[in-house]
C-alpha cells in the first residue's frame, strides 16, 4: 500500500490532522499505521488520527 492509499484510509479533517499525519509517518513505518487501521476496524472504531496515536502509544506532535 502506498502512502496515498494509506492516507485515504485515515480520517483527516483539517490542516492540523494533516500535519499530525505527516508527523506520524516520520515516527513509524507504514505497516504500523496499516496495523492500527486494521485493529481499529476490528474494534468497530473509526480511523481518526487520535485513535491511531493512542493505539500506537505515540503522543501527537506539539
Protein backbone atom coordinates (compact mmCIF):
# COMPACT_ATOMS: atom_id res chain seq x y z
CA UNK A 1 0.00 0.00 0.00
CA UNK A 2 1.44 3.37 -0.92
CA UNK A 3 1.23 6.50 1.20
CA UNK A 4 -1.72 7.96 -0.74
CA UNK A 5 -3.74 4.75 -0.26
CA UNK A 6 -2.89 4.79 3.42
CA UNK A 7 -3.82 8.45 3.72
CA UNK A 8 -7.21 7.76 2.13
CA UNK A 9 -7.99 5.25 4.90
CA UNK A 10 -7.24 7.70 7.72
CA UNK A 11 -9.76 10.37 8.68
CA UNK A 12 -8.08 13.74 8.11
CA UNK A 13 -10.45 16.63 8.82
CA UNK A 14 -8.22 19.70 8.83
CA UNK A 15 -4.72 21.10 8.47
CA UNK A 16 -3.72 20.07 12.00
CA UNK A 17 -4.73 16.49 11.20
CA UNK A 18 -2.65 16.67 8.03
CA UNK A 19 0.39 17.87 9.99
CA UNK A 20 -0.15 15.13 12.56
CA UNK A 21 -0.40 12.52 9.79
CA UNK A 22 2.85 13.78 8.29
CA UNK A 23 4.44 13.61 11.74
CA UNK A 24 3.12 10.09 12.29
CA UNK A 25 4.73 8.89 9.07
CA UNK A 26 8.10 10.10 10.38
CA UNK A 27 7.65 8.23 13.66
CA UNK A 28 6.51 4.79 12.46
CA UNK A 29 6.55 2.83 9.23
CA UNK A 30 3.51 2.30 7.03
CA UNK A 31 3.00 -1.24 8.29
CA UNK A 32 2.40 0.07 11.81
CA UNK A 33 -0.20 2.53 10.52
CA UNK A 34 -1.87 -0.21 8.46
CA UNK A 35 -1.94 -2.41 11.56
CA UNK A 36 -3.52 0.38 13.61
CA UNK A 37 -6.22 0.98 10.98
CA UNK A 38 -6.97 -2.74 10.80
CA UNK A 39 -7.08 -3.05 14.58
CA UNK A 40 -9.43 -0.08 14.90
CA UNK A 41 -11.73 -1.53 12.23
CA UNK A 42 -11.86 -4.84 14.12
CA UNK A 43 -12.95 -2.89 17.22
CA UNK A 44 -15.61 -1.02 15.21
CA UNK A 45 -13.76 2.25 15.72
CA UNK A 46 -13.12 4.82 13.04
CA UNK A 47 -9.54 5.53 11.96
CA UNK A 48 -9.26 9.04 13.37
CA UNK A 49 -5.68 10.12 13.89
CA UNK A 50 -6.26 10.44 17.63
CA UNK A 51 -7.28 6.77 17.77
CA UNK A 52 -4.22 5.75 15.76
CA UNK A 53 -1.89 7.71 18.03
CA UNK A 54 -3.48 6.13 21.11
CA UNK A 55 -3.29 2.62 19.70
CA UNK A 56 0.36 3.02 18.74
CA UNK A 57 1.12 4.75 22.06
CA UNK A 58 2.65 7.78 20.35
CA UNK A 59 1.96 11.33 21.54
CA UNK A 60 0.69 13.64 18.78
CA UNK A 61 3.02 16.38 17.63
CA UNK A 62 3.09 19.51 19.75
